Amino acid sequence: MKKRIFTLALALMMCLTLLPAHASASNSSIRVVAMRTEIKADSLFNSEGYGSLTMYEPGTFKPLYALIDNSGNYVSPYGVFPNQIDLYDGVFVSGFMDEVNYSLFDLATGGRVISSAYDYLTYYNGYGHTITRTYTDPNSPWSYQDEQTLIDRSGNIILTLPALFNLQTSAGGGAYEFEYRTWGSSYGARLGGYSDGLIGFYSTNPVSSSIFELTISDYETARNAAITDGRTSGYMDLQGNIIISQQFSEVYPFFEGLAAVAGGEMTGIFDFGCDEPQGKFGYISKTGEVVIDFVYRTGSSFSGGYAYVSNDAGKYGYIDKTGSVIIPLSYDMAFGAGDGILFSVGNIVGSTTDTWGNEIEAYKYGLVDANGVVVIPLEYDDISTFKNGVAYAIKDGTVYVISHDTDKPSSWALDQVNAAIATGLVPETLQSQYTAATTRAEFCALAVALYETAMGREITERSTFSDTSDINVQKMAALGVVTGVGDNKFSPNSALTREQAATMLARLADVMFKPLPSYSATFADVNDISLWASVAVGQVQAAGIMSGVGDNKFSPFTDYTREQSIITIMRLYDFMK
């Protein structure tokens, strides 16, 4: 076979337009921006934080594939590889531009990871599934023998799969390979995705302890001994041992300790033309225990602590790992949960024509947060999951990159803010809008992060107010760092003033058993400082935690900004050492 090693071409930065953040509701704590690129695409998905794009050549059905990064730059321009680039561990499966064989390629170099090439190859979470085909009659495309194997990232064979995985026959005028089911007439076996040490498998014939029991190699024997109740799927380990028996009609890979499976009572639910019994979806543990009951029409793998599900009405939403509904089942479409921060949803808005001229339902997609608040309006023609801090979307054929608000701290604050983030003192929800005023509740979140990081323990005590259930406020109140504003209220969303910040910082030092030094404030506006805050202002000045705003003034009633809050929390952390 002729070898060709492709080097990924780096393209010049396209002209990018930064659009305003599409936060449609003020009560969402997550802010993102949609950046318009000049790149065109017909569809896309998120591949380990990269945008994997597909575009059809005008006037043809020929697809072209590309990969872009979260800055909107090409990593692999259209036409370099003949297949979609779906990354796992920095490698991906692709064919050769002038040949039909497949191999494993490295994203960084564009070169092949393994020397072998296969007639078929999938790669998922560190393991590949291969087919090597030998034609027994060069004059007939239907005369061949397959060998299927499971390989590792280096191409080493882990398993050579038994005969039933390679079963073929002449039926209906042609031969079938049964690595995939051919609905209504297929008999054979196939592998699913690998994750968490287990591989899903499907077999039309029963297997009890090992897939190596599947020695059947002729169609008639397989058909006569086939399973009839639809329970064709289970899980095996990398040695082919059956870990979870064939109890399900469909199985997905394990993620975060759970797997989506179709089981329970097998009914006449027809999926993709299947006339076999089909169960509803639920979730099991790696021991086979049912954790979430079989009540859903479809279900995805868990990601970021969430999975999408749909009901019999075809409506989609999201659940957590306890089975609690987080996003109500009210959307016409949903995708994987990605990072578990933002969720990709869609609704039907009419009909359209696909690339092949078929009339199909038209959707518009957007992003919602875990409270169901729409963060990116449902106005995009396609959208990916929000994963690795980024999502990709298409509007009117143009690709958009959606990421966290990219505003940065002021230049004087940048290094200290970055240090605080690196230390783990800044919750992700506070890593933006650095020049905005800090609320009283937000400062409590910073204070909790400092205390629990520095003291090495979680605050378990709670003290409540009538106007907030914020856990960080409750923790700080229990320690005596914050008090209310009267009438058992805290006013969590009010802007924090500089003298309030000074008082909280001094009290926080006290409860961490390293009080700030006593000192009388020397600011020119010292007489403007409230009596209850004057001692604390002198303490933070003496310790170098807080300084003035210029002209030797403290400005006690001025709002305290988010970047100022982060910096003084970092300074107090250093003081505690």
Protein backbone atom coordinates (compact mmCIF):
# COMPACT_ATOMS: atom_id res chain seq x y z
CA MET A 1 0.00 0.00 0.00
CA LYS A 2 1.22 3.43 -0.89
CA LYS A 3 1.88 5.51 2.21
CA ARG A 4 0.98 9.13 2.41
CA ILE A 5 1.59 11.26 5.47
CA PHE A 6 -0.32 14.47 5.60
CA THR A 7 0.88 17.57 7.37
CA LEU A 8 -1.94 19.69 8.70
CA ALA A 9 -1.87 23.08 7.03
CA LEU A 10 -2.26 26.02 9.34
CA ALA A 11 -4.38 28.72 7.79
CA LEU A 12 -4.16 32.44 8.38
CA MET A 13 -6.44 33.92 10.97
CA MET A 14 -9.80 34.75 9.44
CA CYS A 15 -11.53 38.05 9.92
CA LEU A 16 -13.45 37.66 13.17
CA THR A 17 -16.35 39.69 14.48
CA LEU A 18 -17.01 39.70 18.21
CA LEU A 19 -20.72 39.95 18.91
CA PRO A 20 -22.29 41.06 22.19
CA ALA A 21 -22.95 38.40 24.79
CA HIS A 22 -26.37 36.89 24.17
CA ALA A 23 -27.41 36.71 27.81
CA SER A 24 -31.16 36.97 27.49
CA ALA A 25 -31.93 36.83 31.19
CA SER A 26 -30.23 38.81 33.93
CA ASN A 27 -30.53 35.99 36.46
CA SER A 28 -28.05 33.77 34.60
CA SER A 29 -24.63 33.87 36.22
CA ILE A 30 -22.97 32.54 33.06
CA ARG A 31 -21.95 35.00 30.37
CA VAL A 32 -20.81 33.93 26.94
CA VAL A 33 -20.04 35.65 23.67
CA ALA A 34 -20.67 34.49 20.12
CA MET A 35 -17.79 35.26 17.76
CA ARG A 36 -18.61 35.29 14.05
CA THR A 37 -15.97 33.84 11.74
CA GLU A 38 -15.74 33.93 7.96
CA ILE A 39 -15.75 30.12 7.78
CA LYS A 40 -18.63 28.32 6.09
CA ALA A 41 -20.09 24.94 7.08
CA ASP A 42 -23.24 22.89 6.64
CA SER A 43 -22.94 20.97 9.93
CA LEU A 44 -20.54 20.63 12.85
CA PHE A 45 -19.84 19.07 16.22
CA ASN A 46 -17.51 19.69 19.17
CA SER A 47 -14.51 17.37 19.15
CA GLU A 48 -12.49 17.75 22.37
CA GLY A 49 -12.94 21.52 22.22
CA TYR A 50 -12.29 21.83 18.48
CA GLY A 51 -14.97 22.50 15.89
CA SER A 52 -15.26 19.59 13.44
CA LEU A 53 -16.93 20.96 10.31
CA THR A 54 -18.62 19.45 7.27
CA MET A 55 -19.35 21.33 4.05
CA TYR A 56 -20.72 19.96 0.77
CA GLU A 57 -19.17 21.09 -2.49
CA PRO A 58 -21.66 23.30 -4.36
CA GLY A 59 -23.76 21.32 -6.81
CA THR A 60 -22.50 17.96 -5.51
CA PHE A 61 -23.09 15.60 -2.64
CA LYS A 62 -19.35 15.38 -1.93
CA PRO A 63 -18.57 16.30 1.68
CA LEU A 64 -15.45 18.19 2.72
CA TYR A 65 -14.15 18.25 6.28
CA ALA A 66 -12.20 20.74 8.39
CA LEU A 67 -11.17 21.40 11.99
CA ILE A 68 -10.99 24.80 13.71
CA ASP A 69 -9.87 25.89 17.17
CA ASN A 70 -11.69 28.05 19.70
CA SER A 71 -10.13 31.19 18.26
CA GLY A 72 -11.70 30.52 14.87
CA ASN A 73 -8.44 29.44 13.21
CA TYR A 74 -8.14 26.46 10.89
CA VAL A 75 -6.22 23.56 12.39
CA SER A 76 -6.97 21.40 9.35
CA PRO A 77 -8.53 23.24 6.37
CA TYR A 78 -11.15 21.70 4.13
CA GLY A 79 -9.79 19.00 1.85
CA VAL A 80 -6.81 17.75 3.87
CA PHE A 81 -8.56 14.64 5.16
CA PRO A 82 -11.47 12.74 3.57
CA ASN A 83 -13.31 12.04 6.82
CA GLN A 84 -14.77 13.94 9.75
CA ILE A 85 -12.10 14.63 12.36
CA ASP A 86 -13.33 13.17 15.64
CA LEU A 87 -10.61 13.43 18.28
CA TYR A 88 -9.82 11.18 21.24
CA ASP A 89 -6.56 11.72 23.12
CA GLY A 90 -5.29 13.94 20.31
CA VAL A 91 -5.66 11.29 17.60
CA PHE A 92 -8.36 10.58 15.04
CA VAL A 93 -9.37 8.08 12.38
CA SER A 94 -9.14 9.07 8.74
CA GLY A 95 -8.76 7.57 5.33
CA PHE A 96 -6.28 8.47 2.63
CA MET A 97 -7.21 10.97 -0.05
CA ASP A 98 -6.44 8.56 -2.90
CA GLU A 99 -7.22 5.21 -1.24
CA VAL A 100 -10.05 3.65 0.76
CA ASN A 101 -8.05 2.36 3.72
CA TYR A 102 -8.13 3.90 7.20
CA SER A 103 -5.49 4.59 9.82
CA LEU A 104 -4.96 6.57 13.00
CA PHE A 105 -3.51 10.10 12.71
CA ASP A 106 -1.96 12.50 15.20
CA LEU A 107 -3.51 15.98 15.26
CA ALA A 108 -0.30 17.77 16.20
CA THR A 109 1.82 16.34 13.36
CA GLY A 110 -0.72 15.15 10.82
CA GLY A 111 1.23 11.90 10.59
CA ARG A 112 0.08 8.36 11.15
CA VAL A 113 0.20 7.00 14.69
CA ILE A 114 0.16 3.37 13.56
CA SER A 115 1.75 1.86 10.46
CA SER A 116 -1.17 -0.42 9.60
CA ALA A 117 -4.17 0.58 7.50
CA TYR A 118 -7.55 -1.10 7.65
CA ASP A 119 -10.67 -1.47 5.55
CA TYR A 120 -12.61 -0.19 8.54
CA LEU A 121 -11.50 1.49 11.78
CA THR A 122 -13.16 3.24 14.68
CA TYR A 123 -11.27 4.65 17.66
CA TYR A 124 -12.82 5.48 21.00
CA ASN A 125 -11.23 6.24 24.39
CA GLY A 126 -7.93 4.53 23.72
CA TYR A 127 -9.03 1.49 21.71
CA GLY A 128 -9.73 0.86 18.04
CA HIS A 129 -12.04 -1.60 16.32
CA THR A 130 -10.71 -2.79 12.95
CA ILE A 131 -11.82 -4.79 9.93
CA THR A 132 -9.29 -6.20 7.50
CA ARG A 133 -10.96 -7.59 4.40
CA THR A 134 -9.60 -10.26 2.06
CA TYR A 135 -11.37 -10.72 -1.28
CA THR A 136 -11.69 -14.35 -2.28
CA ASP A 137 -12.86 -13.59 -5.84
CA PRO A 138 -11.25 -10.51 -7.44
CA ASN A 139 -14.13 -10.31 -9.90
CA SER A 140 -16.84 -10.07 -7.25
CA PRO A 141 -17.14 -7.25 -4.71
CA TRP A 142 -19.30 -9.54 -2.57
CA SER A 143 -16.78 -12.35 -2.15
CA TYR A 144 -14.60 -11.59 0.83
CA GLN A 145 -13.61 -12.69 4.32
CA ASP A 146 -13.27 -10.25 7.20
CA GLU A 147 -11.05 -10.36 10.25
CA GLN A 148 -12.06 -8.07 13.09
CA THR A 149 -9.76 -7.03 15.92
CA LEU A 150 -9.59 -4.74 18.91
CA ILE A 151 -6.34 -2.70 18.99
CA ASP A 152 -4.72 -0.23 21.34
CA ARG A 153 -3.45 3.27 20.46
CA SER A 154 -0.15 1.82 19.17
CA GLY A 155 -1.86 -0.68 16.88
CA ASN A 156 -1.21 -3.73 19.05
CA ILE A 157 -3.94 -6.37 18.83
CA ILE A 158 -5.81 -6.83 22.10
CA LEU A 159 -8.49 -9.21 20.81
CA THR A 160 -9.19 -11.03 17.57
CA LEU A 161 -12.96 -11.31 17.48
CA PRO A 162 -14.66 -14.69 16.94
CA ALA A 163 -16.46 -15.97 13.86
CA LEU A 164 -19.91 -14.54 14.54
CA PHE A 165 -18.48 -11.02 14.24
CA ASN A 166 -17.42 -11.82 10.67
CA LEU A 167 -20.51 -13.73 9.57
CA GLN A 168 -21.70 -13.10 5.99
CA THR A 169 -24.04 -14.81 3.57
CA SER A 170 -25.78 -14.42 0.26
CA ALA A 171 -29.30 -13.21 0.99
CA GLY A 172 -31.65 -11.20 -1.13
CA GLY A 173 -29.21 -11.15 -4.02
CA GLY A 174 -26.17 -9.91 -2.12
CA ALA A 175 -23.85 -10.58 0.77
CA TYR A 176 -24.13 -8.81 4.08
CA GLU A 177 -21.52 -8.09 6.68
CA PHE A 178 -22.97 -8.01 10.13
CA GLU A 179 -20.59 -5.74 11.97
CA TYR A 180 -23.63 -3.45 11.88
CA ARG A 181 -27.19 -4.70 12.06
CA THR A 182 -29.11 -4.83 8.80
CA TRP A 183 -32.61 -4.50 10.18
CA GLY A 184 -34.94 -7.44 9.61
CA SER A 185 -32.44 -9.92 8.20
CA SER A 186 -29.15 -9.63 10.07
CA TYR A 187 -27.55 -12.27 12.25
CA GLY A 188 -24.16 -11.61 13.76
CA ALA A 189 -22.38 -9.55 16.38
CA ARG A 190 -20.82 -6.11 16.77
CA LEU A 191 -18.94 -4.03 19.31
CA GLY A 192 -19.98 -0.74 20.88
CA GLY A 193 -17.87 2.01 22.42
CA TYR A 194 -15.27 1.42 25.12
CA SER A 195 -15.21 3.45 28.33
CA ASP A 196 -14.58 2.93 32.05
CA GLY A 197 -13.09 -0.53 31.39
CA LEU A 198 -16.13 -2.03 29.66
CA ILE A 199 -17.19 -2.48 26.02
CA GLY A 200 -20.77 -2.73 24.92
CA PHE A 201 -21.54 -5.62 22.58
CA TYR A 202 -24.47 -6.81 20.50
CA SER A 203 -25.06 -10.39 19.42
CA THR A 204 -28.11 -11.94 17.81
CA ASN A 205 -27.04 -15.19 19.48
CA PRO A 206 -26.82 -15.81 23.22
CA VAL A 207 -23.50 -15.76 25.04
CA SER A 208 -23.04 -16.56 28.72
CA SER A 209 -19.45 -16.06 29.89
CA SER A 210 -17.19 -15.08 26.97
CA ILE A 211 -17.62 -13.81 23.42
CA PHE A 212 -15.35 -16.65 22.33
CA GLU A 213 -18.38 -18.89 22.69
CA LEU A 214 -19.62 -17.26 19.47
CA THR A 215 -18.02 -19.75 17.06
CA ILE A 216 -21.03 -19.85 14.72
CA SER A 217 -19.88 -19.10 11.19
CA ASP A 218 -22.90 -19.94 8.99
CA TYR A 219 -26.06 -17.94 8.47
CA GLU A 220 -28.63 -20.70 8.94
CA THR A 221 -27.24 -21.85 12.28
CA ALA A 222 -27.11 -18.26 13.52
CA ARG A 223 -30.70 -17.64 12.44
CA ASN A 224 -32.05 -20.79 14.02
CA ALA A 225 -30.35 -20.10 17.36
CA ALA A 226 -31.07 -16.36 17.44
CA ILE A 227 -32.46 -14.44 20.43
CA THR A 228 -36.12 -13.59 19.92
CA ASP A 229 -36.98 -11.28 22.85
CA GLY A 230 -34.76 -8.37 21.81
CA ARG A 231 -32.32 -8.71 24.71
CA THR A 232 -29.24 -8.85 22.52
CA SER A 233 -26.80 -6.48 24.22
CA GLY A 234 -24.55 -6.41 27.27
CA TYR A 235 -21.01 -5.51 28.34
CA MET A 236 -17.67 -7.31 28.25
CA ASP A 237 -14.15 -6.51 29.42
CA LEU A 238 -11.05 -6.15 27.23
CA GLN A 239 -10.47 -9.91 27.40
CA GLY A 240 -13.92 -10.71 26.02
CA ASN A 241 -15.35 -11.87 29.35
CA ILE A 242 -19.03 -11.08 29.86
CA ILE A 243 -19.42 -8.68 32.78
CA ILE A 244 -23.06 -7.66 32.33
CA SER A 245 -25.20 -10.21 30.50
CA GLN A 246 -27.49 -9.66 27.50
CA GLN A 247 -30.37 -7.91 29.23
CA PHE A 248 -30.83 -4.94 26.92
CA SER A 249 -31.83 -4.09 23.37
CA GLU A 250 -29.30 -1.24 23.16
CA VAL A 251 -26.30 -0.17 25.23
CA TYR A 252 -24.18 2.99 25.38
CA PRO A 253 -20.66 3.36 26.86
CA PHE A 254 -20.19 3.96 30.58
CA PHE A 255 -19.38 7.53 31.53
CA GLU A 256 -19.09 8.89 35.06
CA GLY A 257 -20.02 5.45 36.40
CA LEU A 258 -23.36 5.10 34.58
CA ALA A 259 -24.47 3.86 31.16
CA ALA A 260 -27.64 4.53 29.19
CA VAL A 261 -29.32 1.26 28.19
CA ALA A 262 -32.62 0.27 26.61
CA GLY A 263 -34.20 -2.40 28.76
CA GLY A 264 -37.03 -3.10 31.14
CA GLU A 265 -40.19 -4.28 29.40
CA MET A 266 -39.53 -4.86 25.69
CA THR A 267 -42.24 -3.22 23.59
CA GLY A 268 -42.99 -2.43 19.98
CA ILE A 269 -41.07 0.82 19.95
CA PHE A 270 -39.67 1.04 16.45
CA ASP A 271 -36.38 2.85 16.16
CA PHE A 272 -34.79 3.58 12.77
CA GLY A 273 -36.98 0.97 11.07
CA CYS A 274 -36.17 -1.79 13.55
CA ASP A 275 -38.89 -4.41 13.82
CA GLU A 276 -37.28 -6.05 16.85
CA PRO A 277 -38.57 -5.58 20.42
CA GLN A 278 -37.17 -2.40 21.94
CA GLY A 279 -37.04 -1.29 25.57
CA LYS A 280 -37.21 2.17 27.07
CA PHE A 281 -34.05 3.86 28.29
CA GLY A 282 -32.74 3.95 31.82
CA TYR A 283 -29.32 3.95 33.48
CA ILE A 284 -27.27 1.22 35.14
CA SER A 285 -24.11 1.06 37.23
CA LYS A 286 -21.04 -1.00 36.32
CA THR A 287 -22.43 -3.84 38.43
CA GLY A 288 -25.60 -3.91 36.30
CA GLU A 289 -27.76 -2.33 39.02
CA VAL A 290 -30.58 -0.13 37.71
CA VAL A 291 -29.95 3.38 39.04
CA ILE A 292 -32.48 5.33 36.95
CA ASP A 293 -35.56 3.40 35.88
CA PHE A 294 -36.54 2.58 32.28
CA VAL A 295 -38.94 5.42 31.56
CA TYR A 296 -37.40 7.39 28.69
CA ARG A 297 -37.75 7.07 24.93
CA THR A 298 -34.09 8.02 24.44
CA GLY A 299 -31.16 8.85 26.68
CA SER A 300 -27.56 9.99 26.29
CA SER A 301 -24.37 9.21 28.18
CA PHE A 302 -23.62 11.37 31.21
CA SER A 303 -21.25 14.28 30.82
CA GLY A 304 -20.49 16.92 33.41
CA GLY A 305 -22.99 15.23 35.71
CA TYR A 306 -25.96 15.46 33.31
CA ALA A 307 -27.57 13.55 30.44
CA TYR A 308 -30.34 14.40 28.01
CA VAL A 309 -33.46 12.27 27.85
CA SER A 310 -36.72 12.37 25.90
CA ASN A 311 -40.25 11.23 26.67
CA ASP A 312 -42.88 9.47 24.56
CA ALA A 313 -44.06 12.84 23.25
CA GLY A 314 -40.61 13.39 21.74
CA LYS A 315 -39.72 16.23 24.10
CA TYR A 316 -36.16 16.55 25.41
CA GLY A 317 -34.64 17.79 28.65
CA TYR A 318 -31.80 16.95 31.07
CA ILE A 319 -31.48 14.88 34.23
CA ASP A 320 -28.76 14.56 36.86
CA LYS A 321 -27.22 11.33 38.11
CA THR A 322 -29.95 10.86 40.71
CA GLY A 323 -32.59 10.95 37.97
CA SER A 324 -33.88 14.39 38.96
CA VAL A 325 -35.04 16.52 36.05
CA ILE A 326 -32.82 19.61 35.81
CA ILE A 327 -34.00 21.05 32.49
CA PRO A 328 -37.70 20.26 31.89
CA LEU A 329 -38.54 17.97 28.96
CA SER A 330 -39.91 20.78 26.80
CA TYR A 331 -37.56 20.99 23.80
CA ASP A 332 -37.79 19.27 20.42
CA MET A 333 -34.08 18.37 20.44
CA ALA A 334 -31.13 18.23 22.82
CA PHE A 335 -27.49 17.22 22.65
CA GLY A 336 -24.91 15.88 25.10
CA ALA A 337 -24.34 17.87 28.27
CA GLY A 338 -20.64 18.59 27.53
CA ASP A 339 -19.06 20.34 30.50
CA GLY A 340 -22.36 20.36 32.41
CA ILE A 341 -22.39 24.18 32.35
CA LEU A 342 -24.47 25.02 29.29
CA PHE A 343 -26.90 22.75 27.45
CA SER A 344 -27.59 22.63 23.70
CA VAL A 345 -31.29 22.55 22.86
CA GLY A 346 -33.47 23.11 19.80
CA ASN A 347 -37.05 23.58 18.68
CA ILE A 348 -38.80 22.86 15.38
CA VAL A 349 -39.60 26.08 13.52
CA GLY A 350 -40.87 24.71 10.21
CA SER A 351 -39.43 22.65 7.35
CA THR A 352 -36.47 22.89 5.00
CA THR A 353 -34.73 20.92 2.25
CA ASP A 354 -31.59 18.92 2.95
CA THR A 355 -28.55 18.48 0.71
CA TRP A 356 -30.26 15.68 -1.20
CA GLY A 357 -33.47 17.60 -1.83
CA ASN A 358 -35.54 15.90 0.87
CA GLU A 359 -37.99 17.91 2.94
CA ILE A 360 -37.05 17.73 6.62
CA GLU A 361 -37.98 19.50 9.83
CA ALA A 362 -36.15 22.78 10.41
CA TYR A 363 -34.74 23.48 13.87
CA LYS A 364 -33.30 26.51 15.61
CA TYR A 365 -30.79 25.89 18.36
CA GLY A 366 -29.37 27.72 21.36
CA LEU A 367 -27.91 27.25 24.85
CA VAL A 368 -29.52 27.24 28.28
CA ASP A 369 -27.91 27.10 31.71
CA ALA A 370 -28.64 24.63 34.52
CA ASN A 371 -31.51 26.81 35.73
CA GLY A 372 -33.16 26.66 32.32
CA VAL A 373 -32.29 30.28 31.55
CA VAL A 374 -31.67 30.88 27.84
CA VAL A 375 -28.10 32.18 27.53
CA ILE A 376 -27.77 31.93 23.73
CA PRO A 377 -31.12 32.45 21.94
CA LEU A 378 -32.51 29.63 19.82
CA GLU A 379 -31.60 31.25 16.50
CA TYR A 380 -28.82 29.04 15.11
CA ASP A 381 -29.23 26.45 12.34
CA ASP A 382 -26.87 24.00 14.04
CA ILE A 383 -25.04 23.96 17.35
CA SER A 384 -22.59 21.68 19.12
CA THR A 385 -22.30 20.73 22.76
CA PHE A 386 -20.60 23.22 25.10
CA LYS A 387 -17.44 21.27 25.90
CA ASN A 388 -13.94 22.31 26.99
CA GLY A 389 -15.34 25.78 27.53
CA VAL A 390 -16.56 26.29 23.97
CA ALA A 391 -19.42 25.52 21.58
CA TYR A 392 -19.68 25.97 17.81
CA ALA A 393 -22.76 27.06 15.89
CA ILE A 394 -23.92 27.85 12.36
CA LYS A 395 -26.19 30.68 11.28
CA ASP A 396 -26.94 31.29 7.60
CA GLY A 397 -24.04 29.01 6.65
CA THR A 398 -21.46 30.90 8.75
CA VAL A 399 -19.66 29.38 11.75
CA TYR A 400 -19.74 31.06 15.17
CA VAL A 401 -17.50 30.27 18.15
CA ILE A 402 -19.33 30.54 21.49
CA SER A 403 -17.18 30.84 24.60
CA HIS A 404 -17.08 32.39 28.04
CA ASP A 405 -17.07 36.16 28.18
CA THR A 406 -13.50 37.07 27.28
CA ASP A 407 -13.29 40.36 29.15
CA LYS A 408 -10.05 40.55 31.09
CA PRO A 409 -9.02 42.23 34.32
CA SER A 410 -7.45 45.67 34.18
CA SER A 411 -3.76 45.57 33.30
CA TRP A 412 -2.72 46.46 36.87
CA ALA A 413 -4.83 43.61 38.24
CA LEU A 414 -4.13 40.91 35.65
CA ASP A 415 -1.24 39.06 37.31
CA GLN A 416 -2.80 38.95 40.77
CA VAL A 417 -6.20 37.87 39.44
CA ASN A 418 -4.56 35.10 37.44
CA ALA A 419 -2.63 34.01 40.54
CA ALA A 420 -5.85 33.86 42.55
CA ILE A 421 -7.54 31.78 39.86
CA ALA A 422 -4.57 29.42 39.71
CA THR A 423 -4.72 29.02 43.49
CA GLY A 424 -8.38 28.02 43.30
CA LEU A 425 -9.73 31.09 45.10
CA VAL A 426 -12.05 32.32 42.33
CA PRO A 427 -15.23 30.40 41.46
CA GLU A 428 -15.74 30.04 37.72
CA THR A 429 -18.87 32.20 37.83
CA LEU A 430 -16.72 35.14 39.00
CA GLN A 431 -14.08 34.81 36.29
CA SER A 432 -15.53 37.56 34.10
CA GLN A 433 -16.90 41.12 34.32
CA TYR A 434 -13.91 42.03 36.43
CA THR A 435 -14.66 45.75 36.59
CA ALA A 436 -18.26 45.26 37.68
CA ALA A 437 -19.33 45.85 41.26
CA THR A 438 -19.12 42.81 43.52
CA THR A 439 -22.33 41.82 45.27
CA ARG A 440 -22.43 40.90 48.92
CA ALA A 441 -23.17 37.26 48.04
CA GLU A 442 -20.35 37.10 45.48
CA PHE A 443 -17.83 38.28 48.07
CA CYS A 444 -19.07 35.52 50.36
CA ALA A 445 -18.26 33.02 47.60
CA LEU A 446 -14.69 34.34 47.43
CA ALA A 447 -14.40 34.29 51.21
CA VAL A 448 -15.59 30.67 51.40
CA ALA A 449 -13.08 29.65 48.73
CA LEU A 450 -10.28 31.31 50.69
CA TYR A 451 -11.27 29.83 54.04
CA GLU A 452 -11.76 26.27 52.80
CA THR A 453 -8.54 26.38 50.75
CA ALA A 454 -6.40 27.88 53.51
CA MET A 455 -7.89 25.90 56.40
CA GLY A 456 -8.20 22.62 54.52
CA ARG A 457 -11.74 21.92 55.65
CA GLU A 458 -15.26 22.47 54.40
CA ILE A 459 -17.44 24.82 56.41
CA THR A 460 -20.33 22.68 57.64
CA GLU A 461 -22.00 25.30 59.84
CA ARG A 462 -24.97 27.31 58.51
CA SER A 463 -26.83 30.45 59.54
CA THR A 464 -29.79 31.58 57.47
CA PHE A 465 -31.49 34.78 56.33
CA SER A 466 -35.03 35.25 55.07
CA ASP A 467 -34.00 36.75 51.69
CA THR A 468 -31.40 34.28 50.45
CA SER A 469 -30.61 30.56 50.41
CA ASP A 470 -27.09 31.12 49.08
CA ILE A 471 -24.90 28.49 50.73
CA ASN A 472 -21.82 30.73 50.77
CA VAL A 473 -23.73 33.46 52.61
CA GLN A 474 -24.95 30.87 55.12
CA LYS A 475 -21.40 29.59 55.69
CA MET A 476 -19.94 33.05 56.25
CA ALA A 477 -22.81 34.06 58.52
CA ALA A 478 -22.30 30.92 60.62
CA LEU A 479 -18.66 31.87 61.16
CA GLY A 480 -19.59 35.45 62.05
CA VAL A 481 -17.81 36.98 59.06
CA VAL A 482 -21.02 38.61 57.78
CA THR A 483 -24.14 39.91 59.47
CA GLY A 484 -27.44 40.99 58.04
CA VAL A 485 -28.80 44.42 57.19
CA GLY A 486 -31.65 44.10 59.70
CA ASP A 487 -34.96 42.28 59.93
CA ASN A 488 -33.17 38.93 59.33
CA LYS A 489 -32.21 40.02 55.82
CA PHE A 490 -28.82 39.98 54.09
CA SER A 491 -29.46 41.86 50.80
CA PRO A 492 -27.30 39.40 48.81
CA ASN A 493 -27.52 41.22 45.48
CA SER A 494 -26.61 44.65 46.78
CA ALA A 495 -23.25 46.02 45.73
CA LEU A 496 -20.50 45.61 48.31
CA THR A 497 -18.93 48.85 49.54
CA ARG A 498 -15.23 49.27 50.30
CA GLU A 499 -15.77 49.63 54.05
CA GLN A 500 -17.97 46.52 54.07
CA ALA A 501 -15.21 44.63 52.26
CA ALA A 502 -12.63 45.79 54.79
CA THR A 503 -14.81 44.60 57.68
CA MET A 504 -15.38 41.18 56.12
CA LEU A 505 -11.67 40.73 55.39
CA ALA A 506 -10.69 41.58 58.98
CA ARG A 507 -13.31 39.21 60.41
CA LEU A 508 -12.21 36.48 58.01
CA ALA A 509 -8.64 36.79 59.27
CA ASP A 510 -9.95 36.44 62.84
CA VAL A 511 -11.83 33.18 62.16
CA MET A 512 -8.72 31.78 60.46
CA PHE A 513 -6.84 32.46 63.72
CA LYS A 514 -4.43 35.04 62.34
CA PRO A 515 -5.86 38.47 63.19
CA LEU A 516 -4.69 41.51 61.25
CA PRO A 517 -2.50 44.00 63.19
CA SER A 518 -4.28 46.80 65.05
CA TYR A 519 -3.77 50.19 63.44
CA SER A 520 -5.56 53.47 63.06
CA ALA A 521 -6.34 54.35 59.47
CA THR A 522 -4.44 57.36 58.10
CA PHE A 523 -6.52 58.12 55.03
CA ALA A 524 -7.45 61.75 54.38
CA ASP A 525 -11.15 60.85 54.44
CA VAL A 526 -10.92 58.80 57.64
CA ASN A 527 -13.75 60.79 59.18
CA ASP A 528 -16.09 59.56 56.43
CA ILE A 529 -15.60 55.91 57.43
CA SER A 530 -18.48 54.46 59.45
CA LEU A 531 -17.67 53.94 63.13
CA TRP A 532 -18.35 50.20 62.94
CA ALA A 533 -15.83 49.86 60.06
CA SER A 534 -13.05 52.18 61.20
CA VAL A 535 -11.00 49.58 63.11
CA ALA A 536 -11.18 47.10 60.22
CA VAL A 537 -10.10 49.72 57.68
CA GLY A 538 -7.02 50.49 59.80
CA GLN A 539 -6.23 46.77 60.02
CA VAL A 540 -6.43 46.07 56.27
CA GLN A 541 -4.34 49.17 55.59
CA ALA A 542 -1.64 48.10 58.06
CA ALA A 543 -1.52 44.55 56.67
CA GLY A 544 -1.29 45.76 53.08
CA ILE A 545 -4.55 44.00 52.20
CA MET A 546 -6.35 47.15 51.03
CA SER A 547 -4.97 50.51 50.02
CA GLY A 548 -6.50 53.80 48.95
CA VAL A 549 -8.05 54.94 45.67
CA GLY A 550 -5.69 57.87 45.15
CA ASP A 551 -5.04 61.21 46.85
CA ASN A 552 -4.70 59.27 50.11
CA LYS A 553 -8.43 58.57 50.16
CA PHE A 554 -10.15 55.34 51.09
CA SER A 555 -13.60 56.18 49.63
CA PRO A 556 -15.54 53.96 52.05
CA PHE A 557 -18.91 54.05 50.28
CA THR A 558 -17.64 53.34 46.76
CA ASP A 559 -18.62 50.01 45.24
CA TYR A 560 -15.91 47.35 45.47
CA THR A 561 -15.19 45.79 42.08
CA ARG A 562 -14.81 42.11 41.32
CA GLU A 563 -11.10 42.45 40.44
CA GLN A 564 -10.45 44.42 43.65
CA SER A 565 -12.26 41.73 45.64
CA ILE A 566 -10.23 38.94 44.04
CA ILE A 567 -6.92 40.73 44.63
CA THR A 568 -7.57 41.41 48.30
CA ILE A 569 -8.71 37.81 48.84
CA MET A 570 -5.39 36.72 47.30
CA ARG A 571 -3.47 39.13 49.53
CA LEU A 572 -5.21 37.76 52.62
CA TYR A 573 -4.36 34.24 51.45
CA ASP A 574 -0.68 35.23 51.26
CA PHE A 575 -0.94 36.86 54.70
CA MET A 576 -2.20 33.58 56.14
CA LYS A 577 0.90 31.66 55.08
